[in-house]
Amino acid sequence: MTTVKLSSRNQVVIPKEAREALGLQPGDELLVVPKGDRVVILLKPPDLVKRLAGSGRGVFGRPDRYLSRERASWKRRRSGKR
């Protein structure tokens, strides 16, 4: 394990071993994800949208039913019925 230091300009140098292990090249984009008291640095996929597509599938059930319930709740709020 290698330690790094945050510079006065808030920059960190990724150690050579880590760059080589990930195959990083100058200009590559990285994702920085805070996880509680840790930070995870990942190589950004070429197309992040495609990579995340479908990851939330099933969270709200069937979209048409979810939207119907939401719209009905808006009508109830406007009429004061909650």
Protein backbone atom coordinates (compact mmCIF):
# COMPACT_ATOMS: atom_id res chain seq x y z
CA MET A 1 0.00 0.00 0.00
CA THR A 2 1.27 3.42 -0.96
CA THR A 3 0.33 6.67 0.72
CA VAL A 4 -0.20 9.94 -1.12
CA LYS A 5 -0.39 13.52 0.07
CA LEU A 6 -2.94 16.17 -0.86
CA SER A 7 -1.12 19.18 -2.32
CA SER A 8 -1.81 22.82 -1.49
CA ARG A 9 -3.84 22.89 -4.74
CA ASN A 10 -5.96 19.91 -3.58
CA GLN A 11 -4.29 17.54 -6.05
CA VAL A 12 -3.25 13.92 -5.55
CA VAL A 13 -0.75 11.97 -7.65
CA ILE A 14 -1.90 8.43 -8.38
CA PRO A 15 1.07 6.13 -7.76
CA LYS A 16 2.69 4.45 -10.76
CA GLU A 17 1.71 0.96 -9.58
CA ALA A 18 -1.97 1.97 -9.45
CA ARG A 19 -1.83 3.71 -12.85
CA GLU A 20 -0.25 0.64 -14.41
CA ALA A 21 -2.71 -1.75 -12.75
CA LEU A 22 -5.66 0.22 -14.17
CA GLY A 23 -3.95 0.96 -17.48
CA LEU A 24 -4.39 4.70 -16.96
CA GLN A 25 -3.08 7.13 -19.54
CA PRO A 26 -2.80 10.92 -19.45
CA GLY A 27 -6.21 12.40 -20.23
CA ASP A 28 -8.21 9.42 -18.92
CA GLU A 29 -11.25 10.42 -16.91
CA LEU A 30 -11.81 9.02 -13.43
CA LEU A 31 -14.88 8.87 -11.22
CA VAL A 32 -14.41 9.91 -7.59
CA VAL A 33 -17.06 8.37 -5.35
CA PRO A 34 -17.30 9.25 -1.64
CA LYS A 35 -18.30 6.23 0.49
CA GLY A 36 -18.62 7.26 4.12
CA ASP A 37 -15.09 7.83 5.39
CA ARG A 38 -13.51 6.54 2.15
CA VAL A 39 -13.13 7.69 -1.42
CA VAL A 40 -13.21 5.24 -4.32
CA ILE A 41 -11.53 6.22 -7.58
CA LEU A 42 -12.70 4.36 -10.68
CA LEU A 43 -11.86 4.55 -14.36
CA LYS A 44 -14.82 6.27 -16.02
CA PRO A 45 -16.52 3.92 -18.50
CA PRO A 46 -16.50 5.16 -22.11
CA ASP A 47 -20.25 5.73 -22.02
CA LEU A 48 -21.47 6.22 -18.46
CA VAL A 49 -25.12 6.56 -19.51
CA LYS A 50 -25.09 3.17 -21.23
CA ARG A 51 -23.22 1.68 -18.28
CA LEU A 52 -25.88 2.88 -15.82
CA ALA A 53 -28.87 2.18 -18.08
CA GLY A 54 -31.30 -0.17 -16.37
CA SER A 55 -29.56 0.00 -13.00
CA GLY A 56 -32.71 1.40 -11.38
CA ARG A 57 -35.05 -1.08 -13.04
CA GLY A 58 -37.73 -2.25 -10.66
CA VAL A 59 -37.19 0.49 -8.09
CA PHE A 60 -40.60 2.03 -8.74
CA GLY A 61 -42.36 -1.04 -10.12
CA ARG A 62 -44.13 -0.53 -13.41
CA PRO A 63 -43.58 3.07 -14.51
CA ASP A 64 -47.15 3.56 -15.74
CA ARG A 65 -48.60 2.50 -12.38
CA TYR A 66 -46.10 4.60 -10.46
CA LEU A 67 -46.90 7.69 -12.54
CA SER A 68 -50.64 7.13 -12.16
CA ARG A 69 -50.30 6.99 -8.36
CA GLU A 70 -48.12 10.10 -8.30
CA ARG A 71 -50.49 12.09 -10.50
CA ALA A 72 -53.45 11.02 -8.38
CA SER A 73 -51.65 12.25 -5.26
CA TRP A 74 -51.14 15.65 -6.90
CA LYS A 75 -54.88 15.93 -7.53
CA ARG A 76 -55.64 14.96 -3.92
CA ARG A 77 -53.22 17.62 -2.62
CA ARG A 78 -54.78 20.32 -4.80
CA SER A 79 -58.25 19.45 -3.56
CA GLY A 80 -57.00 19.34 0.05
CA LYS A 81 -57.87 15.64 0.58
CA ARG A 82 -54.39 14.12 1.18
